[in-house]
Structures are given as C-alpha cells and as structure tokens.
Amino acid sequence: IVGVAGGATRAALTMHQARRNNMADVSAKDGSQ
C-alpha cells in the first residue's frame, strides 16, 4: 500500500515541481538522489 501511495503521490509532486515540461528530468534526478 505504501508503494502505491508513495509512487502515486511522488508523481503528483513531480508534476508540481517541474516548471519547464521537465518531469522526466526531475523524476530521474529524484531517483539519483
């Protein structure tokens, strides 16, 4: 359940953080961190 909720909310927050249509880059760098 944590995996579903965490993954879904992480995607929603990535949409909020990405300001230059760079969701892939923001998500990839989050994975690196």
Full PDB file with SEQRES, HELIX, SHEET, SSBOND, CRYST1, ORIGX, SCALE, CONECT and MASTER records, all heavy atoms in Angstrom:
SEQRES   1 A   33  ILE VAL GLY VAL ALA GLY GLY ALA THR ARG ALA ALA LEU          
SEQRES   2 A   33  THR MET HIS GLN ALA ARG ARG ASN ASN MET ALA ASP VAL          
SEQRES   3 A   33  SER ALA LYS ASP GLY SER GLN                                  
HELIX    1 AA1 VAL A    2  GLN A   17  1                                  16    
HELIX    2 AA2 MET A   23  SER A   32  1                                  10    
CRYST1    1.000    1.000    1.000  90.00  90.00  90.00 P 1           1          
ORIGX1      1.000000  0.000000  0.000000        0.00000                         
ORIGX2      0.000000  1.000000  0.000000        0.00000                         
ORIGX3      0.000000  0.000000  1.000000        0.00000                         
SCALE1      1.000000  0.000000  0.000000        0.00000                         
SCALE2      0.000000  1.000000  0.000000        0.00000                         
SCALE3      0.000000  0.000000  1.000000        0.00000                         
ATOM      1  N   ILE A   1       0.843  -1.197   0.000  1.00  0.00           N  
ATOM      2  CA  ILE A   1       0.000   0.000   0.000  1.00  0.00           C  
ATOM      3  C   ILE A   1       0.876   1.243   0.000  1.00  0.00           C  
ATOM      4  O   ILE A   1       0.600   2.227  -0.700  1.00  0.00           O  
ATOM      5  CB  ILE A   1      -0.946  -0.030   1.210  1.00  0.00           C  
ATOM      6  CG1 ILE A   1      -1.970  -1.160   1.058  1.00  0.00           C  
ATOM      7  CG2 ILE A   1      -1.658   1.315   1.380  1.00  0.00           C  
ATOM      8  CD1 ILE A   1      -2.870  -1.340   2.266  1.00  0.00           C  
ATOM      9  N   VAL A   2       1.956   1.184   0.778  1.00  0.00           N  
ATOM     10  CA  VAL A   2       2.908   2.298   0.809  1.00  0.00           C  
ATOM     11  C   VAL A   2       3.497   2.527  -0.583  1.00  0.00           C  
ATOM     12  O   VAL A   2       3.655   3.673  -1.031  1.00  0.00           O  
ATOM     13  CB  VAL A   2       4.030   2.011   1.822  1.00  0.00           C  
ATOM     14  CG1 VAL A   2       5.171   3.014   1.672  1.00  0.00           C  
ATOM     15  CG2 VAL A   2       3.482   2.052   3.235  1.00  0.00           C  
ATOM     16  N   GLY A   3       3.814   1.442  -1.281  1.00  0.00           N  
ATOM     17  CA  GLY A   3       4.372   1.578  -2.621  1.00  0.00           C  
ATOM     18  C   GLY A   3       3.419   2.263  -3.586  1.00  0.00           C  
ATOM     19  O   GLY A   3       3.832   3.123  -4.372  1.00  0.00           O  
ATOM     20  N   VAL A   4       2.141   1.897  -3.516  1.00  0.00           N  
ATOM     21  CA  VAL A   4       1.154   2.530  -4.395  1.00  0.00           C  
ATOM     22  C   VAL A   4       0.979   4.005  -4.034  1.00  0.00           C  
ATOM     23  O   VAL A   4       1.041   4.889  -4.899  1.00  0.00           O  
ATOM     24  CB  VAL A   4      -0.201   1.791  -4.301  1.00  0.00           C  
ATOM     25  CG1 VAL A   4      -1.266   2.530  -5.096  1.00  0.00           C  
ATOM     26  CG2 VAL A   4      -0.062   0.372  -4.815  1.00  0.00           C  
ATOM     27  N   ALA A   5       0.739   4.277  -2.741  1.00  0.00           N  
ATOM     28  CA  ALA A   5       0.502   5.658  -2.317  1.00  0.00           C  
ATOM     29  C   ALA A   5       1.744   6.525  -2.520  1.00  0.00           C  
ATOM     30  O   ALA A   5       1.648   7.666  -2.995  1.00  0.00           O  
ATOM     31  CB  ALA A   5       0.074   5.681  -0.852  1.00  0.00           C  
ATOM     32  N   GLY A   6       2.915   5.983  -2.177  1.00  0.00           N  
ATOM     33  CA  GLY A   6       4.141   6.760  -2.343  1.00  0.00           C  
ATOM     34  C   GLY A   6       4.453   7.043  -3.800  1.00  0.00           C  
ATOM     35  O   GLY A   6       4.827   8.166  -4.158  1.00  0.00           O  
ATOM     36  N   GLY A   7       4.303   6.046  -4.665  1.00  0.00           N  
ATOM     37  CA  GLY A   7       4.569   6.257  -6.082  1.00  0.00           C  
ATOM     38  C   GLY A   7       3.597   7.227  -6.727  1.00  0.00           C  
ATOM     39  O   GLY A   7       3.990   8.092  -7.517  1.00  0.00           O  
ATOM     40  N   ALA A   8       2.304   7.106  -6.380  1.00  0.00           N  
ATOM     41  CA  ALA A   8       1.297   7.987  -6.960  1.00  0.00           C  
ATOM     42  C   ALA A   8       1.506   9.437  -6.519  1.00  0.00           C  
ATOM     43  O   ALA A   8       1.434  10.366  -7.333  1.00  0.00           O  
ATOM     44  CB  ALA A   8      -0.099   7.511  -6.574  1.00  0.00           C  
ATOM     45  N   THR A   9       1.768   9.619  -5.232  1.00  0.00           N  
ATOM     46  CA  THR A   9       1.956  10.991  -4.745  1.00  0.00           C  
ATOM     47  C   THR A   9       3.277  11.570  -5.229  1.00  0.00           C  
ATOM     48  O   THR A   9       3.377  12.778  -5.481  1.00  0.00           O  
ATOM     49  CB  THR A   9       1.912  11.034  -3.211  1.00  0.00           C  
ATOM     50  OG1 THR A   9       2.847  10.085  -2.667  1.00  0.00           O  
ATOM     51  CG2 THR A   9       0.520  10.670  -2.711  1.00  0.00           C  
ATOM     52  N   ARG A  10       4.299  10.740  -5.382  1.00  0.00           N  
ATOM     53  CA  ARG A  10       5.570  11.234  -5.920  1.00  0.00           C  
ATOM     54  C   ARG A  10       5.376  11.745  -7.344  1.00  0.00           C  
ATOM     55  O   ARG A  10       5.945  12.787  -7.720  1.00  0.00           O  
ATOM     56  CB  ARG A  10       6.604  10.103  -5.900  1.00  0.00           C  
ATOM     57  CG  ARG A  10       7.965  10.463  -6.451  1.00  0.00           C  
ATOM     58  CD  ARG A  10       8.655  11.520  -5.606  1.00  0.00           C  
ATOM     59  NE  ARG A  10       8.698  12.791  -6.299  1.00  0.00           N  
ATOM     60  CZ  ARG A  10       9.292  13.873  -5.842  1.00  0.00           C  
ATOM     61  NH1 ARG A  10       9.895  13.855  -4.677  1.00  0.00           N  
ATOM     62  NH2 ARG A  10       9.288  14.982  -6.532  1.00  0.00           N  
ATOM     63  N   ALA A  11       4.559  11.049  -8.132  1.00  0.00           N  
ATOM     64  CA  ALA A  11       4.276  11.515  -9.493  1.00  0.00           C  
ATOM     65  C   ALA A  11       3.528  12.846  -9.467  1.00  0.00           C  
ATOM     66  O   ALA A  11       3.822  13.750 -10.262  1.00  0.00           O  
ATOM     67  CB  ALA A  11       3.461  10.457 -10.241  1.00  0.00           C  
ATOM     68  N   ALA A  12       2.548  12.980  -8.552  1.00  0.00           N  
ATOM     69  CA  ALA A  12       1.802  14.236  -8.452  1.00  0.00           C  
ATOM     70  C   ALA A  12       2.710  15.380  -8.035  1.00  0.00           C  
ATOM     71  O   ALA A  12       2.601  16.501  -8.558  1.00  0.00           O  
ATOM     72  CB  ALA A  12       0.648  14.075  -7.454  1.00  0.00           C  
ATOM     73  N   LEU A  13       3.629  15.124  -7.111  1.00  0.00           N  
ATOM     74  CA  LEU A  13       4.543  16.170  -6.661  1.00  0.00           C  
ATOM     75  C   LEU A  13       5.570  16.513  -7.736  1.00  0.00           C  
ATOM     76  O   LEU A  13       6.007  17.663  -7.840  1.00  0.00           O  
ATOM     77  CB  LEU A  13       5.242  15.733  -5.379  1.00  0.00           C  
ATOM     78  CG  LEU A  13       4.325  15.537  -4.169  1.00  0.00           C  
ATOM     79  CD1 LEU A  13       5.127  15.109  -2.951  1.00  0.00           C  
ATOM     80  CD2 LEU A  13       3.541  16.808  -3.865  1.00  0.00           C  
ATOM     81  N   THR A  14       5.957  15.533  -8.543  1.00  0.00           N  
ATOM     82  CA  THR A  14       6.869  15.818  -9.651  1.00  0.00           C  
ATOM     83  C   THR A  14       6.214  16.750 -10.662  1.00  0.00           C  
ATOM     84  O   THR A  14       6.866  17.665 -11.194  1.00  0.00           O  
ATOM     85  CB  THR A  14       7.299  14.507 -10.335  1.00  0.00           C  
ATOM     86  OG1 THR A  14       7.949  13.663  -9.377  1.00  0.00           O  
ATOM     87  CG2 THR A  14       8.254  14.773 -11.485  1.00  0.00           C  
ATOM     88  N   MET A  15       4.935  16.550 -10.924  1.00  0.00           N  
ATOM     89  CA  MET A  15       4.213  17.470 -11.811  1.00  0.00           C  
ATOM     90  C   MET A  15       4.217  18.882 -11.247  1.00  0.00           C  
ATOM     91  O   MET A  15       4.352  19.860 -11.987  1.00  0.00           O  
ATOM     92  CB  MET A  15       2.768  16.992 -11.997  1.00  0.00           C  
ATOM     93  CG  MET A  15       2.608  15.764 -12.843  1.00  0.00           C  
ATOM     94  SD  MET A  15       0.876  15.309 -13.052  1.00  0.00           S  
ATOM     95  CE  MET A  15       0.250  16.756 -13.906  1.00  0.00           C  
ATOM     96  N   HIS A  16       4.081  19.003  -9.931  1.00  0.00           N  
ATOM     97  CA  HIS A  16       4.111  20.324  -9.302  1.00  0.00           C  
ATOM     98  C   HIS A  16       5.497  20.949  -9.390  1.00  0.00           C  
ATOM     99  O   HIS A  16       5.630  22.152  -9.653  1.00  0.00           O  
ATOM    100  CB  HIS A  16       3.677  20.194  -7.841  1.00  0.00           C  
ATOM    101  CG  HIS A  16       4.153  21.303  -6.961  1.00  0.00           C  
ATOM    102  ND1 HIS A  16       3.664  22.589  -7.047  1.00  0.00           N  
ATOM    103  CD2 HIS A  16       5.100  21.327  -5.978  1.00  0.00           C  
ATOM    104  CE1 HIS A  16       4.270  23.353  -6.158  1.00  0.00           C  
ATOM    105  NE2 HIS A  16       5.147  22.613  -5.508  1.00  0.00           N  
ATOM    106  N   GLN A  17       6.547  20.157  -9.199  1.00  0.00           N  
ATOM    107  CA  GLN A  17       7.901  20.707  -9.155  1.00  0.00           C  
ATOM    108  C   GLN A  17       8.444  21.064 -10.534  1.00  0.00           C  
ATOM    109  O   GLN A  17       9.229  22.008 -10.667  1.00  0.00           O  
ATOM    110  CB  GLN A  17       8.836  19.707  -8.478  1.00  0.00           C  
ATOM    111  CG  GLN A  17       8.559  19.521  -6.992  1.00  0.00           C  
ATOM    112  CD  GLN A  17       9.410  18.432  -6.376  1.00  0.00           C  
ATOM    113  OE1 GLN A  17       9.828  17.490  -7.060  1.00  0.00           O  
ATOM    114  NE2 GLN A  17       9.676  18.535  -5.082  1.00  0.00           N  
ATOM    115  N   ALA A  18       8.059  20.317 -11.552  1.00  0.00           N  
ATOM    116  CA  ALA A  18       8.597  20.538 -12.901  1.00  0.00           C  
ATOM    117  C   ALA A  18       7.965  21.794 -13.505  1.00  0.00           C  
ATOM    118  O   ALA A  18       6.758  21.870 -13.666  1.00  0.00           O  
ATOM    119  CB  ALA A  18       8.331  19.327 -13.776  1.00  0.00           C  
ATOM    120  N   ARG A  19       8.780  22.770 -13.871  1.00  0.00           N  
ATOM    121  CA  ARG A  19       8.271  24.047 -14.381  1.00  0.00           C  
ATOM    122  C   ARG A  19       8.637  24.309 -15.835  1.00  0.00           C  
ATOM    123  O   ARG A  19       8.289  25.355 -16.374  1.00  0.00           O  
ATOM    124  CB  ARG A  19       8.789  25.197 -13.510  1.00  0.00           C  
ATOM    125  CG  ARG A  19       8.252  25.152 -12.078  1.00  0.00           C  
ATOM    126  CD  ARG A  19       6.739  25.193 -12.095  1.00  0.00           C  
ATOM    127  NE  ARG A  19       6.131  24.828 -10.842  1.00  0.00           N  
ATOM    128  CZ  ARG A  19       5.766  25.700  -9.901  1.00  0.00           C  
ATOM    129  NH1 ARG A  19       5.981  26.977 -10.077  1.00  0.00           N  
ATOM    130  NH2 ARG A  19       5.189  25.280  -8.804  1.00  0.00           N  
ATOM    131  N   ARG A  20       9.358  23.405 -16.454  1.00  0.00           N  
ATOM    132  CA  ARG A  20       9.735  23.597 -17.866  1.00  0.00           C  
ATOM    133  C   ARG A  20       9.436  22.341 -18.678  1.00  0.00           C  
ATOM    134  O   ARG A  20      10.222  21.937 -19.523  1.00  0.00           O  
ATOM    135  CB  ARG A  20      11.231  23.939 -17.977  1.00  0.00           C  
ATOM    136  CG  ARG A  20      11.589  25.327 -17.468  1.00  0.00           C  
ATOM    137  CD  ARG A  20      13.059  25.592 -17.692  1.00  0.00           C  
ATOM    138  NE  ARG A  20      13.447  26.921 -17.253  1.00  0.00           N  
ATOM    139  CZ  ARG A  20      14.699  27.362 -17.210  1.00  0.00           C  
ATOM    140  NH1 ARG A  20      15.685  26.544 -17.568  1.00  0.00           N  
ATOM    141  NH2 ARG A  20      14.973  28.583 -16.790  1.00  0.00           N  
ATOM    142  N   ASN A  21       8.298  21.724 -18.383  1.00  0.00           N  
ATOM    143  CA  ASN A  21       7.959  20.459 -19.047  1.00  0.00           C  
ATOM    144  C   ASN A  21       9.101  19.451 -18.913  1.00  0.00           C  
ATOM    145  O   ASN A  21       9.433  18.720 -19.851  1.00  0.00           O  
ATOM    146  CB  ASN A  21       7.629  20.691 -20.530  1.00  0.00           C  
ATOM    147  CG  ASN A  21       6.372  21.510 -20.718  1.00  0.00           C  
ATOM    148  OD1 ASN A  21       5.407  21.349 -19.975  1.00  0.00           O  
ATOM    149  ND2 ASN A  21       6.373  22.407 -21.691  1.00  0.00           N  
ATOM    150  N   ASN A  22       9.718  19.430 -17.725  1.00  0.00           N  
ATOM    151  CA  ASN A  22      10.890  18.580 -17.491  1.00  0.00           C  
ATOM    152  C   ASN A  22      10.606  17.533 -16.423  1.00  0.00           C  
ATOM    153  O   ASN A  22      11.442  17.265 -15.553  1.00  0.00           O  
ATOM    154  CB  ASN A  22      12.089  19.437 -17.088  1.00  0.00           C  
ATOM    155  CG  ASN A  22      11.812  20.306 -15.859  1.00  0.00           C  
ATOM    156  OD1 ASN A  22      10.667  20.605 -15.529  1.00  0.00           O  
ATOM    157  ND2 ASN A  22      12.869  20.715 -15.186  1.00  0.00           N  
ATOM    158  N   MET A  23       9.407  16.946 -16.485  1.00  0.00           N  
ATOM    159  CA  MET A  23       9.053  15.925 -15.499  1.00  0.00           C  
ATOM    160  C   MET A  23      10.028  14.755 -15.509  1.00  0.00           C  
ATOM    161  O   MET A  23      10.386  14.223 -14.451  1.00  0.00           O  
ATOM    162  CB  MET A  23       7.636  15.419 -15.768  1.00  0.00           C  
ATOM    163  CG  MET A  23       6.533  16.290 -15.214  1.00  0.00           C  
ATOM    164  SD  MET A  23       4.929  15.489 -15.406  1.00  0.00           S  
ATOM    165  CE  MET A  23       5.186  13.975 -14.492  1.00  0.00           C  
ATOM    166  N   ALA A  24      10.458  14.332 -16.694  1.00  0.00           N  
ATOM    167  CA  ALA A  24      11.373  13.198 -16.778  1.00  0.00           C  
ATOM    168  C   ALA A  24      12.691  13.513 -16.082  1.00  0.00           C  
ATOM    169  O   ALA A  24      13.235  12.677 -15.345  1.00  0.00           O  
ATOM    170  CB  ALA A  24      11.610  12.827 -18.238  1.00  0.00           C  
ATOM    171  N   ASP A  25      13.211  14.712 -16.304  1.00  0.00           N  
ATOM    172  CA  ASP A  25      14.477  15.099 -15.687  1.00  0.00           C  
ATOM    173  C   ASP A  25      14.336  15.199 -14.173  1.00  0.00           C  
ATOM    174  O   ASP A  25      15.187  14.703 -13.422  1.00  0.00           O  
ATOM    175  CB  ASP A  25      14.937  16.438 -16.269  1.00  0.00           C  
ATOM    176  CG  ASP A  25      16.332  16.822 -15.798  1.00  0.00           C  
ATOM    177  OD1 ASP A  25      17.122  15.916 -15.490  1.00  0.00           O  
ATOM    178  OD2 ASP A  25      16.623  18.034 -15.738  1.00  0.00           O  
ATOM    179  N   VAL A  26      13.260  15.829 -13.698  1.00  0.00           N  
ATOM    180  CA  VAL A  26      13.038  15.962 -12.259  1.00  0.00           C  
ATOM    181  C   VAL A  26      12.890  14.582 -11.618  1.00  0.00           C  
ATOM    182  O   VAL A  26      13.458  14.308 -10.554  1.00  0.00           O  
ATOM    183  CB  VAL A  26      11.792  16.830 -11.980  1.00  0.00           C  
ATOM    184  CG1 VAL A  26      11.436  16.821 -10.492  1.00  0.00           C  
ATOM    185  CG2 VAL A  26      12.022  18.262 -12.441  1.00  0.00           C  
ATOM    186  N   SER A  27      12.143  13.700 -12.270  1.00  0.00           N  
ATOM    187  CA  SER A  27      11.947  12.355 -11.736  1.00  0.00           C  
ATOM    188  C   SER A  27      13.251  11.563 -11.731  1.00  0.00           C  
ATOM    189  O   SER A  27      13.560  10.853 -10.763  1.00  0.00           O  
ATOM    190  CB  SER A  27      10.882  11.621 -12.561  1.00  0.00           C  
ATOM    191  OG  SER A  27      10.667  10.320 -12.077  1.00  0.00           O  
ATOM    192  N   ALA A  28      14.043  11.693 -12.814  1.00  0.00           N  
ATOM    193  CA  ALA A  28      15.309  10.960 -12.889  1.00  0.00           C  
ATOM    194  C   ALA A  28      16.284  11.443 -11.818  1.00  0.00           C  
ATOM    195  O   ALA A  28      16.960  10.626 -11.165  1.00  0.00           O  
ATOM    196  CB  ALA A  28      15.922  11.135 -14.284  1.00  0.00           C  
ATOM    197  N   LYS A  29      16.371  12.755 -11.629  1.00  0.00           N  
ATOM    198  CA  LYS A  29      17.291  13.278 -10.616  1.00  0.00           C  
ATOM    199  C   LYS A  29      16.803  12.931  -9.205  1.00  0.00           C  
ATOM    200  O   LYS A  29      17.620  12.722  -8.298  1.00  0.00           O  
ATOM    201  CB  LYS A  29      17.428  14.792 -10.778  1.00  0.00           C  
ATOM    202  CG  LYS A  29      18.059  15.202 -12.094  1.00  0.00           C  
ATOM    203  CD  LYS A  29      19.440  14.614 -12.277  1.00  0.00           C  
ATOM    204  CE  LYS A  29      19.988  14.789 -13.681  1.00  0.00           C  
ATOM    205  NZ  LYS A  29      20.080  16.173 -14.119  1.00  0.00           N  
ATOM    206  N   ASP A  30      15.504  12.847  -9.001  1.00  0.00           N  
ATOM    207  CA  ASP A  30      14.988  12.401  -7.711  1.00  0.00           C  
ATOM    208  C   ASP A  30      15.412  10.950  -7.453  1.00  0.00           C  
ATOM    209  O   ASP A  30      15.782  10.587  -6.338  1.00  0.00           O  
ATOM    210  CB  ASP A  30      13.467  12.522  -7.688  1.00  0.00           C  
ATOM    211  CG  ASP A  30      12.869  12.046  -6.373  1.00  0.00           C  
ATOM    212  OD1 ASP A  30      13.096  12.698  -5.338  1.00  0.00           O  
ATOM    213  OD2 ASP A  30      12.173  11.015  -6.370  1.00  0.00           O  
ATOM    214  N   GLY A  31      15.369  10.145  -8.513  1.00  0.00           N  
ATOM    215  CA  GLY A  31      15.836   8.771  -8.374  1.00  0.00           C  
ATOM    216  C   GLY A  31      17.321   8.703  -8.043  1.00  0.00           C  
ATOM    217  O   GLY A  31      17.754   7.868  -7.241  1.00  0.00           O  
ATOM    218  N   SER A  32      18.119   9.598  -8.643  1.00  0.00           N  
ATOM    219  CA  SER A  32      19.553   9.632  -8.338  1.00  0.00           C  
ATOM    220  C   SER A  32      19.794  10.027  -6.888  1.00  0.00           C  
ATOM    221  O   SER A  32      20.668   9.471  -6.211  1.00  0.00           O  
ATOM    222  CB  SER A  32      20.261  10.617  -9.277  1.00  0.00           C  
ATOM    223  OG  SER A  32      20.159  10.204 -10.621  1.00  0.00           O  
ATOM    224  N   GLN A  33      19.024  10.997  -6.412  1.00  0.00           N  
ATOM    225  CA  GLN A  33      19.165  11.412  -5.010  1.00  0.00           C  
ATOM    226  C   GLN A  33      18.808  10.266  -4.071  1.00  0.00           C  
ATOM    227  O   GLN A  33      19.505  10.021  -3.071  1.00  0.00           O  
ATOM    228  CB  GLN A  33      18.267  12.618  -4.747  1.00  0.00           C  
ATOM    229  CG  GLN A  33      18.669  13.874  -5.497  1.00  0.00           C  
ATOM    230  CD  GLN A  33      17.603  14.957  -5.448  1.00  0.00           C  
ATOM    231  OE1 GLN A  33      16.784  14.985  -4.536  1.00  0.00           O  
ATOM    232  NE2 GLN A  33      17.607  15.838  -6.432  1.00  0.00           N  
TER     233      GLN A  33                                                      
MASTER        0    0    0    2    0    0    0    6  232    1    0    3          
END                                                                             
